[in-house]
């Protein structure tokens, strides 16, 4: 079973799945399936961590 995370696009705020192994590649880029925006995987990781922290505070 593959591990994955939901990450939000910084441009359109749409969430999509990204494989866990993708976060090990520091030079990789995420490609939003909704708006076609490309952004570094580091941005996706930071956004995902912030969303997780917000959920824990609820």
PDB file of N, CA and C in Angstrom:
ATOM      1  N   UNK A   1       0.843  -1.182   0.000  1.00  0.00           N
ATOM      2  CA  UNK A   1       0.000   0.000   0.000  1.00  0.00           C
ATOM      3  C   UNK A   1       0.883   1.238   0.000  1.00  0.00           C
ATOM      4  N   UNK A   2       0.626   2.154  -0.889  1.00  0.00           N
ATOM      5  CA  UNK A   2       1.433   3.352  -1.023  1.00  0.00           C
ATOM      6  C   UNK A   2       1.022   4.403   0.006  1.00  0.00           C
ATOM      7  N   UNK A   3       2.027   5.086   0.544  1.00  0.00           N
ATOM      8  CA  UNK A   3       1.761   6.194   1.453  1.00  0.00           C
ATOM      9  C   UNK A   3       1.638   7.466   0.636  1.00  0.00           C
ATOM     10  N   UNK A   4       0.747   8.341   1.035  1.00  0.00           N
ATOM     11  CA  UNK A   4       0.569   9.596   0.323  1.00  0.00           C
ATOM     12  C   UNK A   4       0.102  10.668   1.288  1.00  0.00           C
ATOM     13  N   UNK A   5       0.198  11.902   0.846  1.00  0.00           N
ATOM     14  CA  UNK A   5      -0.286  13.050   1.600  1.00  0.00           C
ATOM     15  C   UNK A   5      -1.158  13.899   0.678  1.00  0.00           C
ATOM     16  N   UNK A   6      -2.081  14.600   1.270  1.00  0.00           N
ATOM     17  CA  UNK A   6      -2.845  15.606   0.532  1.00  0.00           C
ATOM     18  C   UNK A   6      -2.111  16.929   0.721  1.00  0.00           C
ATOM     19  N   UNK A   7      -1.825  17.613  -0.371  1.00  0.00           N
ATOM     20  CA  UNK A   7      -1.171  18.917  -0.297  1.00  0.00           C
ATOM     21  C   UNK A   7      -2.030  19.959  -1.002  1.00  0.00           C
ATOM     22  N   UNK A   8      -2.033  21.191  -0.469  1.00  0.00           N
ATOM     23  CA  UNK A   8      -2.793  22.252  -1.124  1.00  0.00           C
ATOM     24  C   UNK A   8      -1.921  22.999  -2.129  1.00  0.00           C
ATOM     25  N   UNK A   9      -2.505  23.377  -3.228  1.00  0.00           N
ATOM     26  CA  UNK A   9      -1.815  24.191  -4.225  1.00  0.00           C
ATOM     27  C   UNK A   9      -1.756  25.623  -3.695  1.00  0.00           C
ATOM     28  N   UNK A  10      -0.591  26.268  -3.714  1.00  0.00           N
ATOM     29  CA  UNK A  10      -0.523  27.646  -3.221  1.00  0.00           C
ATOM     30  C   UNK A  10      -1.256  28.640  -4.124  1.00  0.00           C
ATOM     31  N   UNK A  11      -1.520  28.278  -5.370  1.00  0.00           N
ATOM     32  CA  UNK A  11      -2.187  29.192  -6.296  1.00  0.00           C
ATOM     33  C   UNK A  11      -3.710  29.109  -6.191  1.00  0.00           C
ATOM     34  N   UNK A  12      -4.277  27.906  -6.287  1.00  0.00           N
ATOM     35  CA  UNK A  12      -5.741  27.772  -6.325  1.00  0.00           C
ATOM     36  C   UNK A  12      -6.324  27.170  -5.047  1.00  0.00           C
ATOM     37  N   UNK A  13      -5.469  26.713  -4.135  1.00  0.00           N
ATOM     38  CA  UNK A  13      -5.871  26.101  -2.856  1.00  0.00           C
ATOM     39  C   UNK A  13      -6.553  24.748  -3.010  1.00  0.00           C
ATOM     40  N   UNK A  14      -6.551  24.178  -4.213  1.00  0.00           N
ATOM     41  CA  UNK A  14      -7.089  22.834  -4.410  1.00  0.00           C
ATOM     42  C   UNK A  14      -6.155  21.801  -3.795  1.00  0.00           C
ATOM     43  N   UNK A  15      -6.702  20.765  -3.182  1.00  0.00           N
ATOM     44  CA  UNK A  15      -5.886  19.721  -2.563  1.00  0.00           C
ATOM     45  C   UNK A  15      -5.814  18.506  -3.470  1.00  0.00           C
ATOM     46  N   UNK A  16      -4.630  17.901  -3.520  1.00  0.00           N
ATOM     47  CA  UNK A  16      -4.443  16.696  -4.316  1.00  0.00           C
ATOM     48  C   UNK A  16      -3.422  15.801  -3.640  1.00  0.00           C
ATOM     49  N   UNK A  17      -3.416  14.530  -4.030  1.00  0.00           N
ATOM     50  CA  UNK A  17      -2.538  13.542  -3.413  1.00  0.00           C
ATOM     51  C   UNK A  17      -1.142  13.588  -4.024  1.00  0.00           C
ATOM     52  N   UNK A  18      -0.141  13.442  -3.154  1.00  0.00           N
ATOM     53  CA  UNK A  18       1.251  13.354  -3.581  1.00  0.00           C
ATOM     54  C   UNK A  18       1.863  12.173  -2.842  1.00  0.00           C
ATOM     55  N   UNK A  19       2.558  11.312  -3.559  1.00  0.00           N
ATOM     56  CA  UNK A  19       3.188  10.152  -2.949  1.00  0.00           C
ATOM     57  C   UNK A  19       4.263  10.542  -1.947  1.00  0.00           C
ATOM     58  N   UNK A  20       4.348   9.799  -0.872  1.00  0.00           N
ATOM     59  CA  UNK A  20       5.310  10.064   0.201  1.00  0.00           C
ATOM     60  C   UNK A  20       6.743  10.118  -0.322  1.00  0.00           C
ATOM     61  N   UNK A  21       7.080   9.257  -1.275  1.00  0.00           N
ATOM     62  CA  UNK A  21       8.446   9.218  -1.809  1.00  0.00           C
ATOM     63  C   UNK A  21       8.809  10.512  -2.535  1.00  0.00           C
ATOM     64  N   UNK A  22       7.822  11.241  -2.983  1.00  0.00           N
ATOM     65  CA  UNK A  22       8.052  12.498  -3.683  1.00  0.00           C
ATOM     66  C   UNK A  22       8.732  13.521  -2.775  1.00  0.00           C
ATOM     67  N   UNK A  23       8.450  13.467  -1.473  1.00  0.00           N
ATOM     68  CA  UNK A  23       9.002  14.423  -0.516  1.00  0.00           C
ATOM     69  C   UNK A  23      10.472  14.167  -0.218  1.00  0.00           C
ATOM     70  N   UNK A  24      10.999  13.054  -0.645  1.00  0.00           N
ATOM     71  CA  UNK A  24      12.427  12.754  -0.457  1.00  0.00           C
ATOM     72  C   UNK A  24      13.281  13.365  -1.556  1.00  0.00           C
ATOM     73  N   UNK A  25      12.666  13.822  -2.626  1.00  0.00           N
ATOM     74  CA  UNK A  25      13.367  14.425  -3.762  1.00  0.00           C
ATOM     75  C   UNK A  25      13.295  15.942  -3.634  1.00  0.00           C
ATOM     76  N   UNK A  26      14.346  16.545  -3.111  1.00  0.00           N
ATOM     77  CA  UNK A  26      14.320  17.979  -2.808  1.00  0.00           C
ATOM     78  C   UNK A  26      14.209  18.852  -4.052  1.00  0.00           C
ATOM     79  N   UNK A  27      14.657  18.369  -5.194  1.00  0.00           N
ATOM     80  CA  UNK A  27      14.605  19.165  -6.416  1.00  0.00           C
ATOM     81  C   UNK A  27      13.322  18.940  -7.218  1.00  0.00           C
ATOM     82  N   UNK A  28      12.408  18.133  -6.691  1.00  0.00           N
ATOM     83  CA  UNK A  28      11.170  17.808  -7.402  1.00  0.00           C
ATOM     84  C   UNK A  28      10.161  18.956  -7.325  1.00  0.00           C
ATOM     85  N   UNK A  29       9.260  18.961  -8.290  1.00  0.00           N
ATOM     86  CA  UNK A  29       8.188  19.952  -8.343  1.00  0.00           C
ATOM     87  C   UNK A  29       6.842  19.242  -8.348  1.00  0.00           C
ATOM     88  N   UNK A  30       5.867  19.852  -7.684  1.00  0.00           N
ATOM     89  CA  UNK A  30       4.490  19.375  -7.731  1.00  0.00           C
ATOM     90  C   UNK A  30       3.792  20.097  -8.879  1.00  0.00           C
ATOM     91  N   UNK A  31       2.898  19.414  -9.521  1.00  0.00           N
ATOM     92  CA  UNK A  31       2.109  19.983 -10.625  1.00  0.00           C
ATOM     93  C   UNK A  31       0.639  19.857 -10.243  1.00  0.00           C
ATOM     94  N   UNK A  32      -0.017  20.988 -10.031  1.00  0.00           N
ATOM     95  CA  UNK A  32      -1.421  20.982  -9.611  1.00  0.00           C
ATOM     96  C   UNK A  32      -2.307  20.482 -10.751  1.00  0.00           C
ATOM     97  N   UNK A  33      -3.130  19.477 -10.493  1.00  0.00           N
ATOM     98  CA  UNK A  33      -4.013  18.966 -11.542  1.00  0.00           C
ATOM     99  C   UNK A  33      -5.200  19.888 -11.834  1.00  0.00           C
ATOM    100  N   UNK A  34      -5.439  20.866 -10.977  1.00  0.00           N
ATOM    101  CA  UNK A  34      -6.586  21.759 -11.154  1.00  0.00           C
ATOM    102  C   UNK A  34      -6.250  23.014 -11.952  1.00  0.00           C
ATOM    103  N   UNK A  35      -5.116  23.659 -11.622  1.00  0.00           N
ATOM    104  CA  UNK A  35      -4.782  24.927 -12.278  1.00  0.00           C
ATOM    105  C   UNK A  35      -3.470  24.869 -13.059  1.00  0.00           C
ATOM    106  N   UNK A  36      -2.772  23.736 -13.032  1.00  0.00           N
ATOM    107  CA  UNK A  36      -1.513  23.508 -13.749  1.00  0.00           C
ATOM    108  C   UNK A  36      -0.349  24.317 -13.195  1.00  0.00           C
ATOM    109  N   UNK A  37      -0.491  24.846 -11.983  1.00  0.00           N
ATOM    110  CA  UNK A  37       0.604  25.571 -11.337  1.00  0.00           C
ATOM    111  C   UNK A  37       1.677  24.579 -10.886  1.00  0.00           C
ATOM    112  N   UNK A  38       2.940  24.910 -11.111  1.00  0.00           N
ATOM    113  CA  UNK A  38       4.055  24.089 -10.626  1.00  0.00           C
ATOM    114  C   UNK A  38       4.718  24.796  -9.472  1.00  0.00           C
ATOM    115  N   UNK A  39       5.045  24.043  -8.435  1.00  0.00           N
ATOM    116  CA  UNK A  39       5.713  24.619  -7.271  1.00  0.00           C
ATOM    117  C   UNK A  39       6.621  23.571  -6.643  1.00  0.00           C
ATOM    118  N   UNK A  40       7.700  24.017  -5.967  1.00  0.00           N
ATOM    119  CA  UNK A  40       8.651  23.069  -5.374  1.00  0.00           C
ATOM    120  C   UNK A  40       7.998  22.200  -4.313  1.00  0.00           C
ATOM    121  N   UNK A  41       8.462  20.997  -4.209  1.00  0.00           N
ATOM    122  CA  UNK A  41       7.907  20.050  -3.245  1.00  0.00           C
ATOM    123  C   UNK A  41       8.107  20.568  -1.819  1.00  0.00           C
ATOM    124  N   UNK A  42       9.113  21.376  -1.578  1.00  0.00           N
ATOM    125  CA  UNK A  42       9.325  21.975  -0.257  1.00  0.00           C
ATOM    126  C   UNK A  42       8.172  22.873   0.149  1.00  0.00           C
ATOM    127  N   UNK A  43       7.602  23.602  -0.792  1.00  0.00           N
ATOM    128  CA  UNK A  43       6.438  24.449  -0.530  1.00  0.00           C
ATOM    129  C   UNK A  43       5.251  23.568  -0.153  1.00  0.00           C
ATOM    130  N   UNK A  44       5.083  22.463  -0.867  1.00  0.00           N
ATOM    131  CA  UNK A  44       3.995  21.530  -0.579  1.00  0.00           C
ATOM    132  C   UNK A  44       4.164  20.917   0.806  1.00  0.00           C
ATOM    133  N   UNK A  45       5.384  20.558   1.157  1.00  0.00           N
ATOM    134  CA  UNK A  45       5.642  19.947   2.463  1.00  0.00           C
ATOM    135  C   UNK A  45       5.341  20.933   3.586  1.00  0.00           C
ATOM    136  N   UNK A  46       5.751  22.188   3.429  1.00  0.00           N
ATOM    137  CA  UNK A  46       5.496  23.198   4.449  1.00  0.00           C
ATOM    138  C   UNK A  46       3.999  23.451   4.606  1.00  0.00           C
ATOM    139  N   UNK A  47       3.278  23.508   3.505  1.00  0.00           N
ATOM    140  CA  UNK A  47       1.835  23.729   3.558  1.00  0.00           C
ATOM    141  C   UNK A  47       1.132  22.548   4.218  1.00  0.00           C
ATOM    142  N   UNK A  48       1.585  21.351   3.921  1.00  0.00           N
ATOM    143  CA  UNK A  48       0.974  20.155   4.492  1.00  0.00           C
ATOM    144  C   UNK A  48       1.239  20.100   5.992  1.00  0.00           C
ATOM    145  N   UNK A  49       2.442  20.467   6.426  1.00  0.00           N
ATOM    146  CA  UNK A  49       2.767  20.479   7.853  1.00  0.00           C
ATOM    147  C   UNK A  49       1.948  21.529   8.593  1.00  0.00           C
ATOM    148  N   UNK A  50       1.750  22.688   7.982  1.00  0.00           N
ATOM    149  CA  UNK A  50       0.944  23.740   8.601  1.00  0.00           C
ATOM    150  C   UNK A  50      -0.505  23.286   8.744  1.00  0.00           C
ATOM    151  N   UNK A  51      -1.032  22.603   7.743  1.00  0.00           N
ATOM    152  CA  UNK A  51      -2.403  22.101   7.817  1.00  0.00           C
ATOM    153  C   UNK A  51      -2.536  21.036   8.903  1.00  0.00           C
ATOM    154  N   UNK A  52      -1.540  20.183   9.032  1.00  0.00           N
ATOM    155  CA  UNK A  52      -1.565  19.151  10.077  1.00  0.00           C
ATOM    156  C   UNK A  52      -1.526  19.769  11.462  1.00  0.00           C
ATOM    157  N   UNK A  53      -0.699  20.812  11.632  1.00  0.00           N
ATOM    158  CA  UNK A  53      -0.599  21.490  12.919  1.00  0.00           C
ATOM    159  C   UNK A  53      -1.922  22.165  13.279  1.00  0.00           C
ATOM    160  N   UNK A  54      -2.577  22.748  12.297  1.00  0.00           N
ATOM    161  CA  UNK A  54      -3.867  23.407  12.534  1.00  0.00           C
ATOM    162  C   UNK A  54      -4.922  22.391  12.951  1.00  0.00           C
ATOM    163  N   UNK A  55      -4.906  21.202  12.359  1.00  0.00           N
ATOM    164  CA  UNK A  55      -5.865  20.164  12.717  1.00  0.00           C
ATOM    165  C   UNK A  55      -5.630  19.658  14.141  1.00  0.00           C
ATOM    166  N   UNK A  56      -4.367  19.573  14.545  1.00  0.00           N
ATOM    167  CA  UNK A  56      -4.061  19.095  15.902  1.00  0.00           C
ATOM    168  C   UNK A  56      -4.535  20.074  16.961  1.00  0.00           C
ATOM    169  N   UNK A  57      -4.578  21.369  16.623  1.00  0.00           N
ATOM    170  CA  UNK A  57      -5.005  22.384  17.597  1.00  0.00           C
ATOM    171  C   UNK A  57      -6.518  22.405  17.791  1.00  0.00           C
ATOM    172  N   UNK A  58      -7.254  21.797  16.889  1.00  0.00           N
ATOM    173  CA  UNK A  58      -8.729  21.786  17.006  1.00  0.00           C
ATOM    174  C   UNK A  58      -9.186  20.852  18.067  1.00  0.00           C
TER     175      UNK A  58
END
